[in-house]
Amino acid sequence: MTPEDYTPAHFRWSFAAGVATITLDRPDLKNPLTFDSYAELRDLFRTLVYTPAVKVVVLTGAGGNFCSGGDVHEIIGPLTRMAMPELLAFTRMTGDLVKAMRACPQPIISAIDGVCVGAGAILAIASDLRYATPRAKTAFLFTRVGLSGCDMGACAILPRLIGQGRASELLFSGRVMTADEGDRWGFFNRIIDGDVLAEAQAIAASLAAGPTFAHGMTKNQLNIEWAVSLDVAIEMEAQAQAICMTTGDFTRAYKAFAEKRAPVFEGN
């Protein structure tokens, strides 16, 4: 994929200086997802594994809201008429979007304003960093429509962000978590009382100027060390760090330090 020329069908895309911005763009309905947008996002994040020109991804929504989840009429209605094999194909496809987001080496930053519910809240927890406005309202609404809270990896990821008890409350009740709660609980990295997208893009630009190969290694280790012992994790990190020590960025950083100047990283 050439990021400068990429033209998605179901969301907006912009790219500059290594930072890609994905904007969910159905503001009249608070940016819901459809079968097609789920699939296109999944395919995009899979492709980013092979797109080193993209160094960081910012995910946001248009019109003062992040994402209202699955479109009621375009997804929820049709699901009530599907047989089990079709339903399983759909739930596996939505889960594949989260897998693709976690597997792509680029850090993903969510810039969240207003409504962030259902599958939108899952997009937020599948991101690496989350910045929000004081208006952000996050809810895992699945029980409100008669479904389990265990959707798209929520029961695995959310407790790691905010703890088992708090995650249990949100997933059982489907209630709204305020921006203040999300900040205190560690769900959000920071609350931005201003232009959250501009702040997220500034953070993305800072990361894009850093050692991006090493960032990818960090993201990979954060993912795969969830379910291993400390001894195994330490050995995995020893091997990962040794690999990073062979990169040009490691040498560039040393030379810059010795010459008392800021390093210029090239991602290799």
C-alpha atoms as a PDB file:
ATOM      1  CA  MET A   1       0.000   0.000   0.000  1.00  0.00           C
ATOM      2  CA  THR A   2       1.162   3.520  -0.792  1.00  0.00           C
ATOM      3  CA  PRO A   3      -0.170   5.578   2.137  1.00  0.00           C
ATOM      4  CA  GLU A   4      -0.233   8.815   0.131  1.00  0.00           C
ATOM      5  CA  ASP A   5      -2.571   7.241  -2.433  1.00  0.00           C
ATOM      6  CA  TYR A   6      -4.772   5.097  -0.199  1.00  0.00           C
ATOM      7  CA  THR A   7      -8.470   5.931  -0.667  1.00  0.00           C
ATOM      8  CA  PRO A   8     -10.758   3.985   1.685  1.00  0.00           C
ATOM      9  CA  ALA A   9     -14.434   3.595   0.920  1.00  0.00           C
ATOM     10  CA  HIS A  10     -15.894   3.706   4.430  1.00  0.00           C
ATOM     11  CA  PHE A  11     -13.852   6.214   6.450  1.00  0.00           C
ATOM     12  CA  ARG A  12     -11.495   9.130   5.885  1.00  0.00           C
ATOM     13  CA  TRP A  13      -7.722   8.746   5.677  1.00  0.00           C
ATOM     14  CA  SER A  14      -4.922  11.285   5.750  1.00  0.00           C
ATOM     15  CA  PHE A  15      -1.178  10.759   5.866  1.00  0.00           C
ATOM     16  CA  ALA A  16       1.701  13.113   6.569  1.00  0.00           C
ATOM     17  CA  ALA A  17       5.220  12.741   7.977  1.00  0.00           C
ATOM     18  CA  GLY A  18       4.732   9.113   8.915  1.00  0.00           C
ATOM     19  CA  VAL A  19       1.433   9.654  10.774  1.00  0.00           C
ATOM     20  CA  ALA A  20      -1.793   8.192   9.369  1.00  0.00           C
ATOM     21  CA  THR A  21      -5.119   9.518  10.639  1.00  0.00           C
ATOM     22  CA  ILE A  22      -8.258   7.392  10.312  1.00  0.00           C
ATOM     23  CA  THR A  23     -11.504   9.310  10.808  1.00  0.00           C
ATOM     24  CA  LEU A  24     -14.806   7.477  11.176  1.00  0.00           C
ATOM     25  CA  ASP A  25     -17.041   9.794   9.202  1.00  0.00           C
ATOM     26  CA  ARG A  26     -20.764   9.311   9.667  1.00  0.00           C
ATOM     27  CA  PRO A  27     -21.303  12.192  12.092  1.00  0.00           C
ATOM     28  CA  ASP A  28     -25.098  12.307  11.679  1.00  0.00           C
ATOM     29  CA  LEU A  29     -25.263   8.868  13.366  1.00  0.00           C
ATOM     30  CA  LYS A  30     -22.253   9.378  15.688  1.00  0.00           C
ATOM     31  CA  ASN A  31     -19.966   7.343  13.423  1.00  0.00           C
ATOM     32  CA  PRO A  32     -21.343   3.789  13.642  1.00  0.00           C
ATOM     33  CA  LEU A  33     -19.666   0.785  12.043  1.00  0.00           C
ATOM     34  CA  THR A  34     -21.151  -1.369   9.306  1.00  0.00           C
ATOM     35  CA  PHE A  35     -20.274  -4.814   7.980  1.00  0.00           C
ATOM     36  CA  ASP A  36     -18.205  -3.136   5.273  1.00  0.00           C
ATOM     37  CA  SER A  37     -16.374  -0.669   7.522  1.00  0.00           C
ATOM     38  CA  TYR A  38     -15.476  -3.428   9.983  1.00  0.00           C
ATOM     39  CA  ALA A  39     -13.979  -5.449   7.146  1.00  0.00           C
ATOM     40  CA  GLU A  40     -12.171  -2.505   5.567  1.00  0.00           C
ATOM     41  CA  LEU A  41     -10.615  -1.498   8.895  1.00  0.00           C
ATOM     42  CA  ARG A  42      -9.520  -5.094   9.486  1.00  0.00           C
ATOM     43  CA  ASP A  43      -7.914  -5.292   6.062  1.00  0.00           C
ATOM     44  CA  LEU A  44      -6.217  -1.920   6.506  1.00  0.00           C
ATOM     45  CA  PHE A  45      -4.598  -2.830   9.829  1.00  0.00           C
ATOM     46  CA  ARG A  46      -3.445  -6.138   8.346  1.00  0.00           C
ATOM     47  CA  THR A  47      -1.853  -4.225   5.468  1.00  0.00           C
ATOM     48  CA  LEU A  48      -0.038  -1.860   7.847  1.00  0.00           C
ATOM     49  CA  VAL A  49       2.204  -4.760   8.873  1.00  0.00           C
ATOM     50  CA  TYR A  50       3.755  -4.352   5.427  1.00  0.00           C
ATOM     51  CA  THR A  51       3.637  -0.542   5.277  1.00  0.00           C
ATOM     52  CA  PRO A  52       6.697   0.795   7.101  1.00  0.00           C
ATOM     53  CA  ALA A  53       6.125   4.312   5.760  1.00  0.00           C
ATOM     54  CA  VAL A  54       3.262   4.527   8.268  1.00  0.00           C
ATOM     55  CA  LYS A  55       4.937   4.899  11.647  1.00  0.00           C
ATOM     56  CA  VAL A  56       1.977   5.798  13.904  1.00  0.00           C
ATOM     57  CA  VAL A  57      -1.812   5.650  13.470  1.00  0.00           C
ATOM     58  CA  VAL A  58      -4.332   8.080  14.975  1.00  0.00           C
ATOM     59  CA  LEU A  59      -7.956   6.879  15.148  1.00  0.00           C
ATOM     60  CA  THR A  60     -10.758   9.385  15.683  1.00  0.00           C
ATOM     61  CA  GLY A  61     -14.355  10.236  14.790  1.00  0.00           C
ATOM     62  CA  ALA A  62     -16.002  13.169  13.032  1.00  0.00           C
ATOM     63  CA  GLY A  63     -18.522  15.645  14.385  1.00  0.00           C
ATOM     64  CA  GLY A  64     -17.707  15.589  18.092  1.00  0.00           C
ATOM     65  CA  ASN A  65     -18.146  11.851  18.653  1.00  0.00           C
ATOM     66  CA  PHE A  66     -15.816   8.869  18.408  1.00  0.00           C
ATOM     67  CA  CYS A  67     -17.994   5.868  17.505  1.00  0.00           C
ATOM     68  CA  SER A  68     -21.485   4.693  18.444  1.00  0.00           C
ATOM     69  CA  GLY A  69     -20.735   1.011  17.794  1.00  0.00           C
ATOM     70  CA  GLY A  70     -22.478  -1.237  15.325  1.00  0.00           C
ATOM     71  CA  ASP A  71     -25.115   0.497  13.231  1.00  0.00           C
ATOM     72  CA  VAL A  72     -28.542  -0.478  14.623  1.00  0.00           C
ATOM     73  CA  HIS A  73     -30.246  -0.874  11.272  1.00  0.00           C
ATOM     74  CA  GLU A  74     -27.311  -1.992   9.119  1.00  0.00           C
ATOM     75  CA  ILE A  75     -25.870  -4.540  11.586  1.00  0.00           C
ATOM     76  CA  ILE A  76     -28.102  -5.252  14.591  1.00  0.00           C
ATOM     77  CA  GLY A  77     -31.266  -5.758  12.546  1.00  0.00           C
ATOM     78  CA  PRO A  78     -29.715  -8.151  10.021  1.00  0.00           C
ATOM     79  CA  LEU A  79     -28.014 -10.143  12.808  1.00  0.00           C
ATOM     80  CA  THR A  80     -31.409 -11.032  14.304  1.00  0.00           C
ATOM     81  CA  ARG A  81     -32.260 -12.815  11.055  1.00  0.00           C
ATOM     82  CA  MET A  82     -29.019 -14.766  10.602  1.00  0.00           C
ATOM     83  CA  ALA A  83     -28.366 -18.435  11.301  1.00  0.00           C
ATOM     84  CA  MET A  84     -25.583 -19.491  13.668  1.00  0.00           C
ATOM     85  CA  PRO A  85     -22.889 -20.079  10.985  1.00  0.00           C
ATOM     86  CA  GLU A  86     -23.399 -16.548   9.637  1.00  0.00           C
ATOM     87  CA  LEU A  87     -23.384 -15.080  13.142  1.00  0.00           C
ATOM     88  CA  LEU A  88     -20.136 -16.843  13.992  1.00  0.00           C
ATOM     89  CA  ALA A  89     -18.561 -15.595  10.772  1.00  0.00           C
ATOM     90  CA  PHE A  90     -19.526 -12.046  11.787  1.00  0.00           C
ATOM     91  CA  THR A  91     -18.254 -12.264  15.374  1.00  0.00           C
ATOM     92  CA  ARG A  92     -14.993 -13.790  14.171  1.00  0.00           C
ATOM     93  CA  MET A  93     -14.625 -11.009  11.616  1.00  0.00           C
ATOM     94  CA  THR A  94     -15.074  -8.292  14.254  1.00  0.00           C
ATOM     95  CA  GLY A  95     -12.591 -10.077  16.488  1.00  0.00           C
ATOM     96  CA  ASP A  96     -10.167 -10.191  13.575  1.00  0.00           C
ATOM     97  CA  LEU A  97     -10.234  -6.388  13.511  1.00  0.00           C
ATOM     98  CA  VAL A  98      -8.934  -6.294  17.092  1.00  0.00           C
ATOM     99  CA  LYS A  99      -6.318  -8.942  16.263  1.00  0.00           C
ATOM    100  CA  ALA A 100      -5.183  -6.859  13.294  1.00  0.00           C
ATOM    101  CA  MET A 101      -4.922  -3.712  15.428  1.00  0.00           C
ATOM    102  CA  ARG A 102      -2.847  -5.511  18.039  1.00  0.00           C
ATOM    103  CA  ALA A 103      -0.672  -7.261  15.430  1.00  0.00           C
ATOM    104  CA  CYS A 104       0.282  -4.192  13.405  1.00  0.00           C
ATOM    105  CA  PRO A 105       3.631  -2.833  14.650  1.00  0.00           C
ATOM    106  CA  GLN A 106       2.598   0.818  14.588  1.00  0.00           C
ATOM    107  CA  PRO A 107       1.404   2.416  17.824  1.00  0.00           C
ATOM    108  CA  ILE A 108      -2.300   3.275  17.555  1.00  0.00           C
ATOM    109  CA  ILE A 109      -3.583   6.374  19.338  1.00  0.00           C
ATOM    110  CA  SER A 110      -7.316   6.934  19.828  1.00  0.00           C
ATOM    111  CA  ALA A 111      -8.473  10.565  20.055  1.00  0.00           C
ATOM    112  CA  ILE A 112     -11.866  10.309  21.747  1.00  0.00           C
ATOM    113  CA  ASP A 113     -14.586  12.917  22.016  1.00  0.00           C
ATOM    114  CA  GLY A 114     -18.233  12.395  22.915  1.00  0.00           C
ATOM    115  CA  VAL A 115     -19.799   8.992  22.380  1.00  0.00           C
ATOM    116  CA  CYS A 116     -17.463   5.974  22.551  1.00  0.00           C
ATOM    117  CA  VAL A 117     -19.690   2.936  23.015  1.00  0.00           C
ATOM    118  CA  GLY A 118     -20.109  -0.683  22.016  1.00  0.00           C
ATOM    119  CA  ALA A 119     -17.696  -1.624  19.260  1.00  0.00           C
ATOM    120  CA  GLY A 120     -16.384   1.951  19.432  1.00  0.00           C
ATOM    121  CA  ALA A 121     -15.255   1.301  23.001  1.00  0.00           C
ATOM    122  CA  ILE A 122     -13.548  -1.865  21.733  1.00  0.00           C
ATOM    123  CA  LEU A 123     -11.658   0.150  19.122  1.00  0.00           C
ATOM    124  CA  ALA A 124     -10.478   2.360  21.987  1.00  0.00           C
ATOM    125  CA  ILE A 125      -9.212  -0.520  24.143  1.00  0.00           C
ATOM    126  CA  ALA A 126      -7.559  -2.160  21.127  1.00  0.00           C
ATOM    127  CA  SER A 127      -5.518   1.021  20.679  1.00  0.00           C
ATOM    128  CA  ASP A 128      -2.205   1.488  22.455  1.00  0.00           C
ATOM    129  CA  LEU A 129      -2.899   4.982  23.793  1.00  0.00           C
ATOM    130  CA  ARG A 130      -6.173   6.788  24.517  1.00  0.00           C
ATOM    131  CA  TYR A 131      -6.649  10.549  24.862  1.00  0.00           C
ATOM    132  CA  ALA A 132     -10.079  12.020  25.504  1.00  0.00           C
ATOM    133  CA  THR A 133     -11.978  15.230  26.064  1.00  0.00           C
ATOM    134  CA  PRO A 134     -14.022  15.860  29.223  1.00  0.00           C
ATOM    135  CA  ARG A 135     -17.087  15.106  27.071  1.00  0.00           C
ATOM    136  CA  ALA A 136     -16.077  11.486  26.431  1.00  0.00           C
ATOM    137  CA  LYS A 137     -18.685   8.917  27.435  1.00  0.00           C
ATOM    138  CA  THR A 138     -17.528   5.308  27.179  1.00  0.00           C
ATOM    139  CA  ALA A 139     -19.795   2.290  27.545  1.00  0.00           C
ATOM    140  CA  PHE A 140     -19.667  -1.401  26.725  1.00  0.00           C
ATOM    141  CA  LEU A 141     -23.348  -1.674  25.803  1.00  0.00           C
ATOM    142  CA  PHE A 142     -23.541  -5.338  24.865  1.00  0.00           C
ATOM    143  CA  THR A 143     -25.733  -6.443  27.789  1.00  0.00           C
ATOM    144  CA  ARG A 144     -28.142  -3.608  26.933  1.00  0.00           C
ATOM    145  CA  VAL A 145     -29.019  -5.487  23.734  1.00  0.00           C
ATOM    146  CA  GLY A 146     -29.149  -8.921  25.338  1.00  0.00           C
ATOM    147  CA  LEU A 147     -25.576  -9.943  24.551  1.00  0.00           C
ATOM    148  CA  SER A 148     -22.610 -10.935  26.681  1.00  0.00           C
ATOM    149  CA  GLY A 149     -20.035  -8.401  27.729  1.00  0.00           C
ATOM    150  CA  CYS A 150     -17.354 -10.686  26.247  1.00  0.00           C
ATOM    151  CA  ASP A 151     -17.208  -9.097  22.814  1.00  0.00           C
ATOM    152  CA  MET A 152     -14.150  -8.662  20.588  1.00  0.00           C
ATOM    153  CA  GLY A 153     -11.718  -9.381  23.413  1.00  0.00           C
ATOM    154  CA  ALA A 154     -13.272  -7.074  26.026  1.00  0.00           C
ATOM    155  CA  CYS A 155     -12.954  -9.600  28.852  1.00  0.00           C
ATOM    156  CA  ALA A 156      -9.253 -10.041  28.106  1.00  0.00           C
ATOM    157  CA  ILE A 157      -8.219  -6.440  27.464  1.00  0.00           C
ATOM    158  CA  LEU A 158     -10.398  -4.246  29.699  1.00  0.00           C
ATOM    159  CA  PRO A 159      -9.387  -5.852  33.048  1.00  0.00           C
ATOM    160  CA  ARG A 160      -5.738  -5.278  32.134  1.00  0.00           C
ATOM    161  CA  LEU A 161      -6.463  -1.582  31.677  1.00  0.00           C
ATOM    162  CA  ILE A 162      -8.644  -0.814  34.693  1.00  0.00           C
ATOM    163  CA  GLY A 163      -8.706  -3.933  36.879  1.00  0.00           C
ATOM    164  CA  GLN A 164     -11.025  -6.925  37.169  1.00  0.00           C
ATOM    165  CA  GLY A 165     -13.623  -5.357  39.457  1.00  0.00           C
ATOM    166  CA  ARG A 166     -14.087  -2.165  37.488  1.00  0.00           C
ATOM    167  CA  ALA A 167     -14.139  -4.058  34.198  1.00  0.00           C
ATOM    168  CA  SER A 168     -16.732  -6.456  35.603  1.00  0.00           C
ATOM    169  CA  GLU A 169     -18.978  -3.560  36.609  1.00  0.00           C
ATOM    170  CA  LEU A 170     -18.818  -1.931  33.190  1.00  0.00           C
ATOM    171  CA  LEU A 171     -19.290  -5.189  31.269  1.00  0.00           C
ATOM    172  CA  PHE A 172     -22.198  -6.437  33.425  1.00  0.00           C
ATOM    173  CA  SER A 173     -24.052  -3.124  33.645  1.00  0.00           C
ATOM    174  CA  GLY A 174     -23.318  -1.514  30.294  1.00  0.00           C
ATOM    175  CA  ARG A 175     -23.299   1.831  32.104  1.00  0.00           C
ATOM    176  CA  VAL A 176     -21.416   4.915  30.933  1.00  0.00           C
ATOM    177  CA  MET A 177     -17.910   5.519  32.261  1.00  0.00           C
ATOM    178  CA  THR A 178     -17.346   9.262  32.465  1.00  0.00           C
ATOM    179  CA  ALA A 179     -14.155  10.899  31.266  1.00  0.00           C
ATOM    180  CA  ASP A 180     -13.222  11.634  34.886  1.00  0.00           C
ATOM    181  CA  GLU A 181     -13.636   7.977  35.849  1.00  0.00           C
ATOM    182  CA  GLY A 182     -11.681   6.882  32.800  1.00  0.00           C
ATOM    183  CA  ASP A 183      -8.871   9.230  33.777  1.00  0.00           C
ATOM    184  CA  ARG A 184      -8.768   8.118  37.433  1.00  0.00           C
ATOM    185  CA  TRP A 185      -8.976   4.442  36.501  1.00  0.00           C
ATOM    186  CA  GLY A 186      -6.176   4.588  33.949  1.00  0.00           C
ATOM    187  CA  PHE A 187      -8.404   3.912  30.943  1.00  0.00           C
ATOM    188  CA  PHE A 188      -7.328   7.209  29.406  1.00  0.00           C
ATOM    189  CA  ASN A 189      -3.718   8.307  29.240  1.00  0.00           C
ATOM    190  CA  ARG A 190      -4.815  11.900  29.656  1.00  0.00           C
ATOM    191  CA  ILE A 191      -7.860  14.153  29.415  1.00  0.00           C
ATOM    192  CA  ILE A 192      -7.360  16.984  26.919  1.00  0.00           C
ATOM    193  CA  ASP A 193      -9.416  20.107  27.601  1.00  0.00           C
ATOM    194  CA  GLY A 194      -9.095  21.359  24.045  1.00  0.00           C
ATOM    195  CA  ASP A 195      -8.423  19.894  20.595  1.00  0.00           C
ATOM    196  CA  VAL A 196      -7.881  16.228  21.397  1.00  0.00           C
ATOM    197  CA  LEU A 197      -7.137  15.292  17.781  1.00  0.00           C
ATOM    198  CA  ALA A 198      -4.417  17.929  17.485  1.00  0.00           C
ATOM    199  CA  GLU A 199      -2.853  16.715  20.730  1.00  0.00           C
ATOM    200  CA  ALA A 200      -3.030  13.076  19.607  1.00  0.00           C
ATOM    201  CA  GLN A 201      -1.408  13.975  16.290  1.00  0.00           C
ATOM    202  CA  ALA A 202       1.356  15.880  18.085  1.00  0.00           C
ATOM    203  CA  ILE A 203       2.054  12.832  20.253  1.00  0.00           C
ATOM    204  CA  ALA A 204       1.960  10.661  17.133  1.00  0.00           C
ATOM    205  CA  ALA A 205       4.473  12.934  15.403  1.00  0.00           C
ATOM    206  CA  SER A 206       6.793  12.628  18.401  1.00  0.00           C
ATOM    207  CA  LEU A 207       6.564   8.843  18.275  1.00  0.00           C
ATOM    208  CA  ALA A 208       7.029   8.829  14.500  1.00  0.00           C
ATOM    209  CA  ALA A 209      10.302  10.715  14.970  1.00  0.00           C
ATOM    210  CA  GLY A 210      11.525   8.062  17.393  1.00  0.00           C
ATOM    211  CA  PRO A 211      13.043   4.586  16.885  1.00  0.00           C
ATOM    212  CA  THR A 212      10.054   3.047  15.142  1.00  0.00           C
ATOM    213  CA  PHE A 213      11.548  -0.445  14.839  1.00  0.00           C
ATOM    214  CA  ALA A 214      11.998  -0.392  18.610  1.00  0.00           C
ATOM    215  CA  HIS A 215       8.435   0.887  19.080  1.00  0.00           C
ATOM    216  CA  GLY A 216       7.183  -2.099  17.094  1.00  0.00           C
ATOM    217  CA  MET A 217       9.234  -4.419  19.274  1.00  0.00           C
ATOM    218  CA  THR A 218       7.799  -2.790  22.406  1.00  0.00           C
ATOM    219  CA  LYS A 219       4.233  -3.257  21.141  1.00  0.00           C
ATOM    220  CA  ASN A 220       4.927  -6.875  20.253  1.00  0.00           C
ATOM    221  CA  GLN A 221       6.311  -7.639  23.711  1.00  0.00           C
ATOM    222  CA  LEU A 222       3.423  -5.893  25.448  1.00  0.00           C
ATOM    223  CA  ASN A 223       1.111  -8.196  23.508  1.00  0.00           C
ATOM    224  CA  ILE A 224       2.862 -11.532  23.850  1.00  0.00           C
ATOM    225  CA  GLU A 225       3.968 -11.252  27.478  1.00  0.00           C
ATOM    226  CA  TRP A 226       0.395 -11.336  28.801  1.00  0.00           C
ATOM    227  CA  ALA A 227       0.369 -15.069  29.355  1.00  0.00           C
ATOM    228  CA  VAL A 228       3.933 -16.100  30.179  1.00  0.00           C
ATOM    229  CA  SER A 229       5.896 -16.450  33.398  1.00  0.00           C
ATOM    230  CA  LEU A 230       8.289 -13.737  34.558  1.00  0.00           C
ATOM    231  CA  ASP A 231      11.266 -15.943  33.722  1.00  0.00           C
ATOM    232  CA  VAL A 232      10.012 -16.471  30.183  1.00  0.00           C
ATOM    233  CA  ALA A 233       9.199 -12.768  29.799  1.00  0.00           C
ATOM    234  CA  ILE A 234      12.692 -11.741  30.893  1.00  0.00           C
ATOM    235  CA  GLU A 235      14.260 -14.118  28.375  1.00  0.00           C
ATOM    236  CA  MET A 236      11.939 -12.865  25.625  1.00  0.00           C
ATOM    237  CA  GLU A 237      12.888  -9.281  26.436  1.00  0.00           C
ATOM    238  CA  ALA A 238      16.589 -10.157  26.469  1.00  0.00           C
ATOM    239  CA  GLN A 239      16.283 -11.506  22.933  1.00  0.00           C
ATOM    240  CA  ALA A 240      14.154  -8.554  21.778  1.00  0.00           C
ATOM    241  CA  GLN A 241      16.591  -6.022  23.200  1.00  0.00           C
ATOM    242  CA  ALA A 242      19.567  -7.786  21.650  1.00  0.00           C
ATOM    243  CA  ILE A 243      17.838  -7.519  18.263  1.00  0.00           C
ATOM    244  CA  CYS A 244      17.258  -3.783  18.812  1.00  0.00           C
ATOM    245  CA  MET A 245      20.947  -3.374  19.638  1.00  0.00           C
ATOM    246  CA  THR A 246      21.785  -4.427  16.073  1.00  0.00           C
ATOM    247  CA  THR A 247      19.796  -1.550  14.556  1.00  0.00           C
ATOM    248  CA  GLY A 248      21.242   1.607  13.120  1.00  0.00           C
ATOM    249  CA  ASP A 249      19.049   3.650  15.467  1.00  0.00           C
ATOM    250  CA  PHE A 250      20.904   2.249  18.481  1.00  0.00           C
ATOM    251  CA  THR A 251      24.228   3.345  16.986  1.00  0.00           C
ATOM    252  CA  ARG A 252      22.773   6.705  15.946  1.00  0.00           C
ATOM    253  CA  ALA A 253      21.580   7.346  19.486  1.00  0.00           C
ATOM    254  CA  TYR A 254      25.031   6.557  20.918  1.00  0.00           C
ATOM    255  CA  LYS A 255      26.810   8.808  18.430  1.00  0.00           C
ATOM    256  CA  ALA A 256      24.360  11.641  19.089  1.00  0.00           C
ATOM    257  CA  PHE A 257      24.884  11.304  22.834  1.00  0.00           C
ATOM    258  CA  ALA A 258      28.666  11.339  22.401  1.00  0.00           C
ATOM    259  CA  GLU A 259      28.404  14.432  20.199  1.00  0.00           C
ATOM    260  CA  LYS A 260      25.947  16.129  22.587  1.00  0.00           C
ATOM    261  CA  ARG A 261      23.132  16.485  20.072  1.00  0.00           C
ATOM    262  CA  ALA A 262      19.649  15.079  19.622  1.00  0.00           C
ATOM    263  CA  PRO A 263      19.515  11.757  17.756  1.00  0.00           C
ATOM    264  CA  VAL A 264      17.800  11.500  14.370  1.00  0.00           C
ATOM    265  CA  PHE A 265      16.162   8.084  14.132  1.00  0.00           C
ATOM    266  CA  GLU A 266      15.485   6.338  10.833  1.00  0.00           C
ATOM    267  CA  GLY A 267      13.500   3.315  12.009  1.00  0.00           C
ATOM    268  CA  ASN A 268      16.117   0.706  11.152  1.00  0.00           C
END
